[in-house]
Amino acid sequence: MDLRIFLIGYVALVPNFENGTLTVVLPEARGELEHAHFPMLIWACKNQMEGCDQFPAEVPHKVLEHDPDFGVLSLRGEDIGLLGGIQGDAEKIAFAGGYERRSAFLRGFIGEVPKRSNAEDFAWVASLGKVSSGEGRIHGSLLRDPTAYQVAGRLQLSGVRGRASTFGFVDVEGSIYSFVFKGSGLPSIWDDRQALADVTLVSIPLQGEAATLRLEGLPPDTSRTRELQLRRSGQDGTIDIVIGNLPPFEYEHADQERGEHFSLYYRLVSGHAHGSSQIPLRGALSVSKESIEGPCHLVPPIIDYVEGRDSCPDESQVSSDVVIFGPHAASNRAICAQAVYLE
């Protein structure tokens, strides 16, 4: 049985491909005027061993609707530890597709869109090392000595068996596009082009039928601790959770042509030059979302809940030019891709 961790929204990924480790950082961005994000841990109530923490008052209603089937915890500076996975000195996180540098470079040069055969490749997560003017190295304090003022949530996977892969892509009205990272001072032929991952999946095999998440407060409030115990329910072969840094669904500044949100990632780069940020703009190449991600009935319920939509809506209620997102009926989603950094 697996614990499936879905990473969604403004999430920074710091893999070490040689050692097989992965650090996940949710930067604090609640107070952003134009790019607010709300960091949360979400799980299915059926998996919680004792009771269920319902929708907390501090989470804005435009991010999630209350649903008695899901528990939600607002993250306010926590290190998230995992108990129950298969651990050992030789255990590693495997990255789907091997993250081969040559194929990633070629993919970015020609602006390839995913195929069913390579849609899980971790390389679809945008690399700051490719699209920034620097090396794309994350600021050391976020890995070694983060504070709750910088980091809303952090998950470090080291010495544990697992697999990291792309689960979902940025789409515009049902199509997955290749986005072009436009730079300043470089000829357009060198602009990086690629489809953008917006959901990353980390699957952790469990030793039994339960997992425990231990949350410990980051400085200055290190006294805060909490445990969330989750177990298998019925015949389900997985325990699903979401660790997300979510924008509001009805986003006032949303633009489906430009990924302005992406500029936030550059703040985390060590030594990044001000004004050299490159943001993704929608390109011409596209492929249908369903042809890559499969039929809508394969989407886990927790993803439908977090994305605020019904992946299999009644066709009689959906016109060809409107995207329905559950109770919000909003088509102005912000482009919220994810990014990979070097240690």
C-alpha atoms as a PDB file:
ATOM      1  CA  MET A   1       0.000   0.000   0.000  1.00  0.00           C
ATOM      2  CA  ASP A   2       1.192   3.504  -0.835  1.00  0.00           C
ATOM      3  CA  LEU A   3       0.926   6.926   0.721  1.00  0.00           C
ATOM      4  CA  ARG A   4       0.367   9.259  -2.238  1.00  0.00           C
ATOM      5  CA  ILE A   5       1.439  12.852  -1.658  1.00  0.00           C
ATOM      6  CA  PHE A   6       0.069  15.293  -4.243  1.00  0.00           C
ATOM      7  CA  LEU A   7       2.015  18.577  -4.365  1.00  0.00           C
ATOM      8  CA  ILE A   8      -0.039  21.434  -5.797  1.00  0.00           C
ATOM      9  CA  GLY A   9       0.453  25.172  -6.328  1.00  0.00           C
ATOM     10  CA  TYR A  10       3.380  27.409  -5.373  1.00  0.00           C
ATOM     11  CA  VAL A  11       5.780  24.619  -4.394  1.00  0.00           C
ATOM     12  CA  ALA A  12       9.578  24.571  -4.699  1.00  0.00           C
ATOM     13  CA  LEU A  13      11.169  21.145  -5.271  1.00  0.00           C
ATOM     14  CA  VAL A  14      14.809  20.514  -4.413  1.00  0.00           C
ATOM     15  CA  PRO A  15      15.867  17.031  -5.590  1.00  0.00           C
ATOM     16  CA  ASN A  16      19.231  15.374  -5.269  1.00  0.00           C
ATOM     17  CA  PHE A  17      19.165  12.902  -8.139  1.00  0.00           C
ATOM     18  CA  GLU A  18      22.381  11.146  -7.156  1.00  0.00           C
ATOM     19  CA  ASN A  19      21.455  10.586  -3.508  1.00  0.00           C
ATOM     20  CA  GLY A  20      17.757  10.026  -4.169  1.00  0.00           C
ATOM     21  CA  THR A  21      16.449  12.704  -1.804  1.00  0.00           C
ATOM     22  CA  LEU A  22      13.758  15.335  -2.230  1.00  0.00           C
ATOM     23  CA  THR A  23      13.001  18.454  -0.208  1.00  0.00           C
ATOM     24  CA  VAL A  24       9.646  20.182  -0.722  1.00  0.00           C
ATOM     25  CA  VAL A  25       9.324  23.839   0.317  1.00  0.00           C
ATOM     26  CA  LEU A  26       6.065  25.806   0.524  1.00  0.00           C
ATOM     27  CA  PRO A  27       7.182  29.454   0.676  1.00  0.00           C
ATOM     28  CA  GLU A  28       5.142  31.813   2.808  1.00  0.00           C
ATOM     29  CA  ALA A  29       3.037  33.959   0.425  1.00  0.00           C
ATOM     30  CA  ARG A  30      -0.216  34.609   2.275  1.00  0.00           C
ATOM     31  CA  GLY A  31       0.397  38.348   2.403  1.00  0.00           C
ATOM     32  CA  GLU A  32       1.150  38.874  -1.295  1.00  0.00           C
ATOM     33  CA  LEU A  33      -1.123  41.561  -2.744  1.00  0.00           C
ATOM     34  CA  GLU A  34      -1.241  40.142  -6.280  1.00  0.00           C
ATOM     35  CA  HIS A  35       0.039  36.602  -5.811  1.00  0.00           C
ATOM     36  CA  ALA A  36      -1.443  35.355  -2.548  1.00  0.00           C
ATOM     37  CA  HIS A  37      -1.192  31.619  -1.847  1.00  0.00           C
ATOM     38  CA  PHE A  38      -2.611  29.623   1.034  1.00  0.00           C
ATOM     39  CA  PRO A  39      -0.517  26.686   2.362  1.00  0.00           C
ATOM     40  CA  MET A  40      -2.520  23.648   3.461  1.00  0.00           C
ATOM     41  CA  LEU A  41      -2.366  19.979   4.329  1.00  0.00           C
ATOM     42  CA  ILE A  42      -5.489  18.116   3.148  1.00  0.00           C
ATOM     43  CA  TRP A  43      -6.598  14.513   3.629  1.00  0.00           C
ATOM     44  CA  ALA A  44      -9.695  12.323   3.368  1.00  0.00           C
ATOM     45  CA  CYS A  45     -11.597  12.003   6.660  1.00  0.00           C
ATOM     46  CA  LYS A  46     -12.171   8.299   5.995  1.00  0.00           C
ATOM     47  CA  ASN A  47      -8.432   7.766   6.484  1.00  0.00           C
ATOM     48  CA  GLN A  48      -8.073   9.605   9.807  1.00  0.00           C
ATOM     49  CA  MET A  49      -7.927   7.318  12.819  1.00  0.00           C
ATOM     50  CA  GLU A  50      -9.556   9.646  15.343  1.00  0.00           C
ATOM     51  CA  GLY A  51     -12.174  12.220  14.328  1.00  0.00           C
ATOM     52  CA  CYS A  52     -11.501  14.663  11.518  1.00  0.00           C
ATOM     53  CA  ASP A  53     -10.314  18.272  11.525  1.00  0.00           C
ATOM     54  CA  GLN A  54     -12.889  20.117   9.491  1.00  0.00           C
ATOM     55  CA  PHE A  55     -12.544  23.232   7.387  1.00  0.00           C
ATOM     56  CA  PRO A  56     -10.664  25.830   9.513  1.00  0.00           C
ATOM     57  CA  ALA A  57     -11.950  29.384   9.698  1.00  0.00           C
ATOM     58  CA  GLU A  58      -8.625  30.916   8.644  1.00  0.00           C
ATOM     59  CA  VAL A  59      -8.745  29.379   5.145  1.00  0.00           C
ATOM     60  CA  PRO A  60     -10.488  31.814   2.738  1.00  0.00           C
ATOM     61  CA  HIS A  61     -13.702  30.528   1.197  1.00  0.00           C
ATOM     62  CA  LYS A  62     -12.380  31.309  -2.281  1.00  0.00           C
ATOM     63  CA  VAL A  63      -9.684  28.659  -1.842  1.00  0.00           C
ATOM     64  CA  LEU A  64     -11.760  25.690  -0.682  1.00  0.00           C
ATOM     65  CA  GLU A  65     -15.392  24.963   0.032  1.00  0.00           C
ATOM     66  CA  HIS A  66     -16.272  23.151   3.256  1.00  0.00           C
ATOM     67  CA  ASP A  67     -16.705  19.431   2.636  1.00  0.00           C
ATOM     68  CA  PRO A  68     -17.293  16.956   5.490  1.00  0.00           C
ATOM     69  CA  ASP A  69     -15.366  14.293   3.579  1.00  0.00           C
ATOM     70  CA  PHE A  70     -12.038  16.124   3.861  1.00  0.00           C
ATOM     71  CA  GLY A  71      -9.873  17.493   6.639  1.00  0.00           C
ATOM     72  CA  VAL A  72      -7.870  20.684   6.179  1.00  0.00           C
ATOM     73  CA  LEU A  73      -4.987  22.084   8.200  1.00  0.00           C
ATOM     74  CA  SER A  74      -3.630  25.554   7.486  1.00  0.00           C
ATOM     75  CA  LEU A  75       0.194  25.398   7.553  1.00  0.00           C
ATOM     76  CA  ARG A  76       1.896  28.193   9.468  1.00  0.00           C
ATOM     77  CA  GLY A  77       5.533  27.217   9.565  1.00  0.00           C
ATOM     78  CA  GLU A  78       5.788  23.442  10.023  1.00  0.00           C
ATOM     79  CA  ASP A  79       8.337  20.773   9.260  1.00  0.00           C
ATOM     80  CA  ILE A  80       6.385  17.724   8.091  1.00  0.00           C
ATOM     81  CA  GLY A  81       7.899  14.370   9.005  1.00  0.00           C
ATOM     82  CA  LEU A  82       6.749  10.961   7.792  1.00  0.00           C
ATOM     83  CA  LEU A  83       6.588   7.765   9.833  1.00  0.00           C
ATOM     84  CA  GLY A  84       5.579   4.463   8.267  1.00  0.00           C
ATOM     85  CA  GLY A  85       7.527   4.520   5.009  1.00  0.00           C
ATOM     86  CA  ILE A  86      10.194   1.970   4.087  1.00  0.00           C
ATOM     87  CA  GLN A  87      13.390   3.548   5.406  1.00  0.00           C
ATOM     88  CA  GLY A  88      17.081   2.685   5.377  1.00  0.00           C
ATOM     89  CA  ASP A  89      20.471   3.958   4.288  1.00  0.00           C
ATOM     90  CA  ALA A  90      20.047   2.402   0.824  1.00  0.00           C
ATOM     91  CA  GLU A  91      16.494   3.643   0.245  1.00  0.00           C
ATOM     92  CA  LYS A  92      16.005   6.429  -2.306  1.00  0.00           C
ATOM     93  CA  ILE A  93      13.416   8.500  -4.091  1.00  0.00           C
ATOM     94  CA  ALA A  94      13.340   7.508  -7.773  1.00  0.00           C
ATOM     95  CA  PHE A  95      12.505  10.205 -10.303  1.00  0.00           C
ATOM     96  CA  ALA A  96      10.292   9.142 -13.212  1.00  0.00           C
ATOM     97  CA  GLY A  97      12.063   9.362 -16.552  1.00  0.00           C
ATOM     98  CA  GLY A  98      15.444   9.526 -14.839  1.00  0.00           C
ATOM     99  CA  TYR A  99      15.472  13.294 -15.356  1.00  0.00           C
ATOM    100  CA  GLU A 100      17.988  12.867 -18.164  1.00  0.00           C
ATOM    101  CA  ARG A 101      19.585  16.255 -18.786  1.00  0.00           C
ATOM    102  CA  ARG A 102      19.943  15.855 -22.552  1.00  0.00           C
ATOM    103  CA  SER A 103      16.291  14.998 -23.114  1.00  0.00           C
ATOM    104  CA  ALA A 104      15.220  17.822 -20.792  1.00  0.00           C
ATOM    105  CA  PHE A 105      17.347  20.298 -22.763  1.00  0.00           C
ATOM    106  CA  LEU A 106      16.035  19.077 -26.124  1.00  0.00           C
ATOM    107  CA  ARG A 107      12.473  19.174 -24.831  1.00  0.00           C
ATOM    108  CA  GLY A 108      12.946  22.798 -23.755  1.00  0.00           C
ATOM    109  CA  PHE A 109      14.498  23.781 -27.085  1.00  0.00           C
ATOM    110  CA  ILE A 110      11.748  22.448 -29.357  1.00  0.00           C
ATOM    111  CA  GLY A 111       8.842  23.153 -27.009  1.00  0.00           C
ATOM    112  CA  GLU A 112       7.625  19.571 -26.878  1.00  0.00           C
ATOM    113  CA  VAL A 113       4.242  18.790 -25.337  1.00  0.00           C
ATOM    114  CA  PRO A 114       3.818  15.570 -23.338  1.00  0.00           C
ATOM    115  CA  LYS A 115       2.754  12.221 -24.723  1.00  0.00           C
ATOM    116  CA  ARG A 116       1.100   9.437 -22.750  1.00  0.00           C
ATOM    117  CA  SER A 117       4.445   7.580 -22.791  1.00  0.00           C
ATOM    118  CA  ASN A 118       6.426  10.370 -21.095  1.00  0.00           C
ATOM    119  CA  ALA A 119       3.763  12.355 -19.233  1.00  0.00           C
ATOM    120  CA  GLU A 120       4.993  11.138 -15.833  1.00  0.00           C
ATOM    121  CA  ASP A 121       8.575  12.325 -16.378  1.00  0.00           C
ATOM    122  CA  PHE A 122       9.771  14.507 -13.522  1.00  0.00           C
ATOM    123  CA  ALA A 123      11.524  16.712 -16.108  1.00  0.00           C
ATOM    124  CA  TRP A 124       8.200  18.422 -16.885  1.00  0.00           C
ATOM    125  CA  VAL A 125       8.660  20.401 -13.681  1.00  0.00           C
ATOM    126  CA  ALA A 126      10.289  23.654 -14.799  1.00  0.00           C
ATOM    127  CA  SER A 127      13.974  23.882 -13.859  1.00  0.00           C
ATOM    128  CA  LEU A 128      15.126  27.255 -12.531  1.00  0.00           C
ATOM    129  CA  GLY A 129      18.616  26.306 -13.677  1.00  0.00           C
ATOM    130  CA  LYS A 130      17.406  26.350 -17.299  1.00  0.00           C
ATOM    131  CA  VAL A 131      15.104  29.347 -17.311  1.00  0.00           C
ATOM    132  CA  SER A 132      16.952  31.767 -15.011  1.00  0.00           C
ATOM    133  CA  SER A 133      20.129  33.699 -15.656  1.00  0.00           C
ATOM    134  CA  GLY A 134      21.782  32.114 -12.608  1.00  0.00           C
ATOM    135  CA  GLU A 135      22.357  28.527 -11.607  1.00  0.00           C
ATOM    136  CA  GLY A 136      18.928  28.108 -10.065  1.00  0.00           C
ATOM    137  CA  ARG A 137      20.328  27.255  -6.633  1.00  0.00           C
ATOM    138  CA  ILE A 138      17.830  27.682  -3.800  1.00  0.00           C
ATOM    139  CA  HIS A 139      18.797  30.007  -0.964  1.00  0.00           C
ATOM    140  CA  GLY A 140      20.589  27.936   1.646  1.00  0.00           C
ATOM    141  CA  SER A 141      18.564  29.217   4.589  1.00  0.00           C
ATOM    142  CA  LEU A 142      15.419  27.595   3.189  1.00  0.00           C
ATOM    143  CA  LEU A 143      17.084  24.180   3.459  1.00  0.00           C
ATOM    144  CA  ARG A 144      19.244  24.518   6.580  1.00  0.00           C
ATOM    145  CA  ASP A 145      17.659  27.098   8.891  1.00  0.00           C
ATOM    146  CA  PRO A 146      14.198  28.079   7.682  1.00  0.00           C
ATOM    147  CA  THR A 147      11.854  30.145   9.802  1.00  0.00           C
ATOM    148  CA  ALA A 148       8.074  30.317   9.817  1.00  0.00           C
ATOM    149  CA  TYR A 149       8.380  33.810   8.322  1.00  0.00           C
ATOM    150  CA  GLN A 150       9.987  32.328   5.192  1.00  0.00           C
ATOM    151  CA  VAL A 151       8.504  28.840   4.947  1.00  0.00           C
ATOM    152  CA  ALA A 152       4.899  27.824   5.569  1.00  0.00           C
ATOM    153  CA  GLY A 153       5.650  24.124   5.244  1.00  0.00           C
ATOM    154  CA  ARG A 154       8.584  21.842   4.474  1.00  0.00           C
ATOM    155  CA  LEU A 155       8.835  18.112   3.764  1.00  0.00           C
ATOM    156  CA  GLN A 156      12.229  16.379   3.606  1.00  0.00           C
ATOM    157  CA  LEU A 157      12.384  12.880   2.134  1.00  0.00           C
ATOM    158  CA  SER A 158      15.763  11.258   2.765  1.00  0.00           C
ATOM    159  CA  GLY A 159      16.546   7.589   3.304  1.00  0.00           C
ATOM    160  CA  VAL A 160      13.011   6.609   2.322  1.00  0.00           C
ATOM    161  CA  ARG A 161      11.793   4.559  -0.640  1.00  0.00           C
ATOM    162  CA  GLY A 162       9.514   6.377  -3.081  1.00  0.00           C
ATOM    163  CA  ARG A 163       8.876   7.678  -6.570  1.00  0.00           C
ATOM    164  CA  ALA A 164       8.384  11.258  -7.782  1.00  0.00           C
ATOM    165  CA  SER A 165       6.533  11.950 -11.019  1.00  0.00           C
ATOM    166  CA  THR A 166       4.447  14.540 -12.827  1.00  0.00           C
ATOM    167  CA  PHE A 167       0.730  13.992 -12.205  1.00  0.00           C
ATOM    168  CA  GLY A 168      -0.895  17.054 -13.799  1.00  0.00           C
ATOM    169  CA  PHE A 169      -0.145  19.909 -16.203  1.00  0.00           C
ATOM    170  CA  VAL A 170      -1.159  23.530 -16.497  1.00  0.00           C
ATOM    171  CA  ASP A 171      -4.099  23.513 -18.887  1.00  0.00           C
ATOM    172  CA  VAL A 172      -6.142  26.211 -20.589  1.00  0.00           C
ATOM    173  CA  GLU A 173      -9.756  25.185 -21.173  1.00  0.00           C
ATOM    174  CA  GLY A 174      -8.920  21.503 -21.438  1.00  0.00           C
ATOM    175  CA  SER A 175      -5.711  21.752 -23.487  1.00  0.00           C
ATOM    176  CA  ILE A 176      -2.137  21.363 -22.265  1.00  0.00           C
ATOM    177  CA  TYR A 177       0.066  23.992 -23.921  1.00  0.00           C
ATOM    178  CA  SER A 178       3.778  24.452 -24.311  1.00  0.00           C
ATOM    179  CA  PHE A 179       4.768  27.673 -22.542  1.00  0.00           C
ATOM    180  CA  VAL A 180       7.632  29.908 -23.639  1.00  0.00           C
ATOM    181  CA  PHE A 181       9.899  31.453 -21.003  1.00  0.00           C
ATOM    182  CA  LYS A 182      10.654  34.914 -22.353  1.00  0.00           C
ATOM    183  CA  GLY A 183      13.944  36.418 -21.298  1.00  0.00           C
ATOM    184  CA  SER A 184      15.451  39.857 -21.595  1.00  0.00           C
ATOM    185  CA  GLY A 185      18.504  40.285 -23.775  1.00  0.00           C
ATOM    186  CA  LEU A 186      18.469  36.802 -25.310  1.00  0.00           C
ATOM    187  CA  PRO A 187      17.363  35.983 -28.852  1.00  0.00           C
ATOM    188  CA  SER A 188      14.025  34.192 -28.994  1.00  0.00           C
ATOM    189  CA  ILE A 189      15.613  31.019 -30.386  1.00  0.00           C
ATOM    190  CA  TRP A 190      17.166  30.419 -26.949  1.00  0.00           C
ATOM    191  CA  ASP A 191      13.961  30.893 -24.968  1.00  0.00           C
ATOM    192  CA  ASP A 192      13.072  27.738 -23.059  1.00  0.00           C
ATOM    193  CA  ARG A 193       9.815  26.085 -24.125  1.00  0.00           C
ATOM    194  CA  GLN A 194       7.896  23.355 -22.360  1.00  0.00           C
ATOM    195  CA  ALA A 195       4.580  22.228 -20.942  1.00  0.00           C
ATOM    196  CA  LEU A 196       4.396  23.002 -17.231  1.00  0.00           C
ATOM    197  CA  ALA A 197       3.702  20.579 -14.394  1.00  0.00           C
ATOM    198  CA  ASP A 198       1.256  21.890 -11.797  1.00  0.00           C
ATOM    199  CA  VAL A 199       0.786  18.675  -9.777  1.00  0.00           C
ATOM    200  CA  THR A 200       3.668  16.464  -8.664  1.00  0.00           C
ATOM    201  CA  LEU A 201       3.031  13.043  -7.151  1.00  0.00           C
ATOM    202  CA  VAL A 202       5.315  11.381  -4.607  1.00  0.00           C
ATOM    203  CA  SER A 203       4.346   7.763  -3.888  1.00  0.00           C
ATOM    204  CA  ILE A 204       5.747   6.234  -0.679  1.00  0.00           C
ATOM    205  CA  PRO A 205       5.310   2.462  -0.095  1.00  0.00           C
ATOM    206  CA  LEU A 206       4.226   1.816   3.494  1.00  0.00           C
ATOM    207  CA  GLN A 207       5.413  -0.954   5.771  1.00  0.00           C
ATOM    208  CA  GLY A 208       1.886  -1.570   7.056  1.00  0.00           C
ATOM    209  CA  GLU A 209      -1.544  -0.084   6.475  1.00  0.00           C
ATOM    210  CA  ALA A 210      -1.010   3.236   8.275  1.00  0.00           C
ATOM    211  CA  ALA A 211       1.133   6.347   8.124  1.00  0.00           C
ATOM    212  CA  THR A 212       1.810   9.093  10.657  1.00  0.00           C
ATOM    213  CA  LEU A 213       2.582  12.686   9.727  1.00  0.00           C
ATOM    214  CA  ARG A 214       4.416  14.556  12.463  1.00  0.00           C
ATOM    215  CA  LEU A 215       4.332  18.356  12.263  1.00  0.00           C
ATOM    216  CA  GLU A 216       6.887  20.371  14.219  1.00  0.00           C
ATOM    217  CA  GLY A 217       6.934  24.161  14.348  1.00  0.00           C
ATOM    218  CA  LEU A 218       9.770  26.049  12.680  1.00  0.00           C
ATOM    219  CA  PRO A 219      11.511  28.893  14.566  1.00  0.00           C
ATOM    220  CA  PRO A 220      10.501  30.941  16.423  1.00  0.00           C
ATOM    221  CA  ASP A 221       7.654  28.647  17.561  1.00  0.00           C
ATOM    222  CA  THR A 222       9.427  25.294  17.833  1.00  0.00           C
ATOM    223  CA  SER A 223       7.233  24.133  20.717  1.00  0.00           C
ATOM    224  CA  ARG A 224       4.305  23.362  18.389  1.00  0.00           C
ATOM    225  CA  THR A 225       3.973  19.656  17.592  1.00  0.00           C
ATOM    226  CA  ARG A 226       1.126  17.607  16.184  1.00  0.00           C
ATOM    227  CA  GLU A 227       0.594  14.134  14.770  1.00  0.00           C
ATOM    228  CA  LEU A 228      -1.878  13.095  12.103  1.00  0.00           C
ATOM    229  CA  GLN A 229      -2.472   9.343  11.917  1.00  0.00           C
ATOM    230  CA  LEU A 230      -3.903   8.001   8.673  1.00  0.00           C
ATOM    231  CA  ARG A 231      -4.842   4.443   7.807  1.00  0.00           C
ATOM    232  CA  ARG A 232      -6.151   2.450   4.908  1.00  0.00           C
ATOM    233  CA  SER A 233      -9.924   2.589   4.442  1.00  0.00           C
ATOM    234  CA  GLY A 234     -11.860  -0.368   3.030  1.00  0.00           C
ATOM    235  CA  GLN A 235     -10.421  -1.827  -0.158  1.00  0.00           C
ATOM    236  CA  ASP A 236      -8.551   1.341  -1.137  1.00  0.00           C
ATOM    237  CA  GLY A 237      -4.950   0.590  -1.994  1.00  0.00           C
ATOM    238  CA  THR A 238      -3.678   4.087  -1.176  1.00  0.00           C
ATOM    239  CA  ILE A 239      -3.818   6.873   1.379  1.00  0.00           C
ATOM    240  CA  ASP A 240      -4.022  10.212  -0.458  1.00  0.00           C
ATOM    241  CA  ILE A 241      -2.987  13.586   0.951  1.00  0.00           C
ATOM    242  CA  VAL A 242      -2.356  16.992  -0.603  1.00  0.00           C
ATOM    243  CA  ILE A 243       0.384  19.385   0.439  1.00  0.00           C
ATOM    244  CA  GLY A 244      -0.506  22.559  -1.408  1.00  0.00           C
ATOM    245  CA  ASN A 245       0.156  26.273  -1.597  1.00  0.00           C
ATOM    246  CA  LEU A 246      -3.046  27.254  -3.366  1.00  0.00           C
ATOM    247  CA  PRO A 247      -4.124  30.454  -5.097  1.00  0.00           C
ATOM    248  CA  PRO A 248      -7.789  31.473  -4.832  1.00  0.00           C
ATOM    249  CA  PHE A 249      -9.849  29.875  -7.605  1.00  0.00           C
ATOM    250  CA  GLU A 250     -11.611  33.129  -8.512  1.00  0.00           C
ATOM    251  CA  TYR A 251      -8.364  34.979  -8.992  1.00  0.00           C
ATOM    252  CA  GLU A 252      -8.797  38.673  -9.795  1.00  0.00           C
ATOM    253  CA  HIS A 253      -5.458  38.950 -11.591  1.00  0.00           C
ATOM    254  CA  ALA A 254      -5.620  35.670 -13.513  1.00  0.00           C
ATOM    255  CA  ASP A 255      -4.315  35.628 -17.069  1.00  0.00           C
ATOM    256  CA  GLN A 256      -4.418  32.337 -18.962  1.00  0.00           C
ATOM    257  CA  GLU A 257      -1.807  33.586 -21.400  1.00  0.00           C
ATOM    258  CA  ARG A 258       0.895  34.605 -18.901  1.00  0.00           C
ATOM    259  CA  GLY A 259       2.278  32.888 -15.810  1.00  0.00           C
ATOM    260  CA  GLU A 260       2.965  35.936 -13.648  1.00  0.00           C
ATOM    261  CA  HIS A 261       2.854  33.686 -10.568  1.00  0.00           C
ATOM    262  CA  PHE A 262       6.143  32.166 -11.681  1.00  0.00           C
ATOM    263  CA  SER A 263       8.037  35.336 -10.762  1.00  0.00           C
ATOM    264  CA  LEU A 264       7.679  34.373  -7.088  1.00  0.00           C
ATOM    265  CA  TYR A 265      10.096  31.470  -7.559  1.00  0.00           C
ATOM    266  CA  TYR A 266      12.991  33.780  -8.391  1.00  0.00           C
ATOM    267  CA  ARG A 267      12.884  35.263  -4.904  1.00  0.00           C
ATOM    268  CA  LEU A 268      14.114  31.929  -3.590  1.00  0.00           C
ATOM    269  CA  VAL A 269      17.150  31.716  -5.893  1.00  0.00           C
ATOM    270  CA  SER A 270      20.489  32.420  -4.230  1.00  0.00           C
ATOM    271  CA  GLY A 271      22.142  35.464  -5.813  1.00  0.00           C
ATOM    272  CA  HIS A 272      19.449  36.014  -8.434  1.00  0.00           C
ATOM    273  CA  ALA A 273      19.831  39.304 -10.297  1.00  0.00           C
ATOM    274  CA  HIS A 274      16.856  41.624  -9.927  1.00  0.00           C
ATOM    275  CA  GLY A 275      14.990  42.158 -13.187  1.00  0.00           C
ATOM    276  CA  SER A 276      16.222  38.971 -14.888  1.00  0.00           C
ATOM    277  CA  SER A 277      13.134  36.882 -14.129  1.00  0.00           C
ATOM    278  CA  GLN A 278      11.628  35.011 -17.058  1.00  0.00           C
ATOM    279  CA  ILE A 279       7.933  34.193 -16.947  1.00  0.00           C
ATOM    280  CA  PRO A 280       6.048  31.608 -19.032  1.00  0.00           C
ATOM    281  CA  LEU A 281       3.764  32.750 -21.852  1.00  0.00           C
ATOM    282  CA  ARG A 282       1.384  30.401 -23.605  1.00  0.00           C
ATOM    283  CA  GLY A 283       2.812  29.034 -26.846  1.00  0.00           C
ATOM    284  CA  ALA A 284       1.198  27.505 -29.928  1.00  0.00           C
ATOM    285  CA  LEU A 285       1.708  23.759 -29.400  1.00  0.00           C
ATOM    286  CA  SER A 286      -0.950  21.921 -27.424  1.00  0.00           C
ATOM    287  CA  VAL A 287      -2.481  18.541 -26.720  1.00  0.00           C
ATOM    288  CA  SER A 288      -5.821  17.656 -25.136  1.00  0.00           C
ATOM    289  CA  LYS A 289      -5.710  17.203 -21.364  1.00  0.00           C
ATOM    290  CA  GLU A 290      -7.697  13.958 -21.406  1.00  0.00           C
ATOM    291  CA  SER A 291      -5.382  12.312 -23.963  1.00  0.00           C
ATOM    292  CA  ILE A 292      -2.476  12.705 -21.516  1.00  0.00           C
ATOM    293  CA  GLU A 293      -4.009  12.425 -18.066  1.00  0.00           C
ATOM    294  CA  GLY A 294      -6.573   9.764 -18.936  1.00  0.00           C
ATOM    295  CA  PRO A 295     -10.351   9.637 -18.459  1.00  0.00           C
ATOM    296  CA  CYS A 296     -11.787  11.936 -15.823  1.00  0.00           C
ATOM    297  CA  HIS A 297     -12.947   9.032 -13.661  1.00  0.00           C
ATOM    298  CA  LEU A 298      -9.285   8.228 -12.901  1.00  0.00           C
ATOM    299  CA  VAL A 299      -8.823  11.539 -11.070  1.00  0.00           C
ATOM    300  CA  PRO A 300      -8.627  10.931  -7.277  1.00  0.00           C
ATOM    301  CA  PRO A 301     -11.497  12.587  -5.360  1.00  0.00           C
ATOM    302  CA  ILE A 302      -9.042  14.609  -3.296  1.00  0.00           C
ATOM    303  CA  ILE A 303      -7.778  16.313  -6.478  1.00  0.00           C
ATOM    304  CA  ASP A 304     -11.306  17.243  -7.541  1.00  0.00           C
ATOM    305  CA  TYR A 305     -11.864  18.732  -4.090  1.00  0.00           C
ATOM    306  CA  VAL A 306      -8.647  20.745  -4.031  1.00  0.00           C
ATOM    307  CA  GLU A 307      -9.022  22.003  -7.595  1.00  0.00           C
ATOM    308  CA  GLY A 308     -12.617  22.949  -6.818  1.00  0.00           C
ATOM    309  CA  ARG A 309     -14.195  21.241  -9.791  1.00  0.00           C
ATOM    310  CA  ASP A 310     -15.976  18.134 -10.925  1.00  0.00           C
ATOM    311  CA  SER A 311     -13.703  16.237 -13.303  1.00  0.00           C
ATOM    312  CA  CYS A 312     -16.749  14.420 -14.752  1.00  0.00           C
ATOM    313  CA  PRO A 313     -19.459  17.113 -14.905  1.00  0.00           C
ATOM    314  CA  ASP A 314     -22.896  16.559 -16.425  1.00  0.00           C
ATOM    315  CA  GLU A 315     -22.352  17.442 -20.095  1.00  0.00           C
ATOM    316  CA  SER A 316     -25.786  19.060 -20.265  1.00  0.00           C
ATOM    317  CA  GLN A 317     -24.540  21.735 -17.840  1.00  0.00           C
ATOM    318  CA  VAL A 318     -21.316  22.564 -19.648  1.00  0.00           C
ATOM    319  CA  SER A 319     -21.093  24.651 -22.790  1.00  0.00           C
ATOM    320  CA  SER A 320     -18.212  24.162 -25.194  1.00  0.00           C
ATOM    321  CA  ASP A 321     -16.560  27.473 -24.330  1.00  0.00           C
ATOM    322  CA  VAL A 322     -16.924  27.518 -20.523  1.00  0.00           C
ATOM    323  CA  VAL A 323     -14.810  25.653 -17.987  1.00  0.00           C
ATOM    324  CA  ILE A 324     -16.804  24.695 -14.901  1.00  0.00           C
ATOM    325  CA  PHE A 325     -14.963  24.532 -11.581  1.00  0.00           C
ATOM    326  CA  GLY A 326     -17.405  23.045  -9.089  1.00  0.00           C
ATOM    327  CA  PRO A 327     -19.189  25.591  -6.893  1.00  0.00           C
ATOM    328  CA  HIS A 328     -17.095  28.475  -8.186  1.00  0.00           C
ATOM    329  CA  ALA A 329     -17.958  28.197 -11.907  1.00  0.00           C
ATOM    330  CA  ALA A 330     -14.751  30.149 -12.476  1.00  0.00           C
ATOM    331  CA  SER A 331     -12.683  30.112 -15.662  1.00  0.00           C
ATOM    332  CA  ASN A 332     -10.074  32.642 -14.504  1.00  0.00           C
ATOM    333  CA  ARG A 333      -7.615  30.251 -12.851  1.00  0.00           C
ATOM    334  CA  ALA A 334      -4.134  31.533 -12.250  1.00  0.00           C
ATOM    335  CA  ILE A 335      -1.292  29.669 -13.962  1.00  0.00           C
ATOM    336  CA  CYS A 336       0.433  28.092 -10.983  1.00  0.00           C
ATOM    337  CA  ALA A 337       3.298  25.874 -12.126  1.00  0.00           C
ATOM    338  CA  GLN A 338       5.984  24.303  -9.960  1.00  0.00           C
ATOM    339  CA  ALA A 339       9.762  24.658 -10.067  1.00  0.00           C
ATOM    340  CA  VAL A 340      12.910  22.604  -9.441  1.00  0.00           C
ATOM    341  CA  TYR A 341      15.999  24.078  -7.774  1.00  0.00           C
ATOM    342  CA  LEU A 342      19.548  22.923  -7.196  1.00  0.00           C
ATOM    343  CA  GLU A 343      20.674  22.397  -3.610  1.00  0.00           C
END
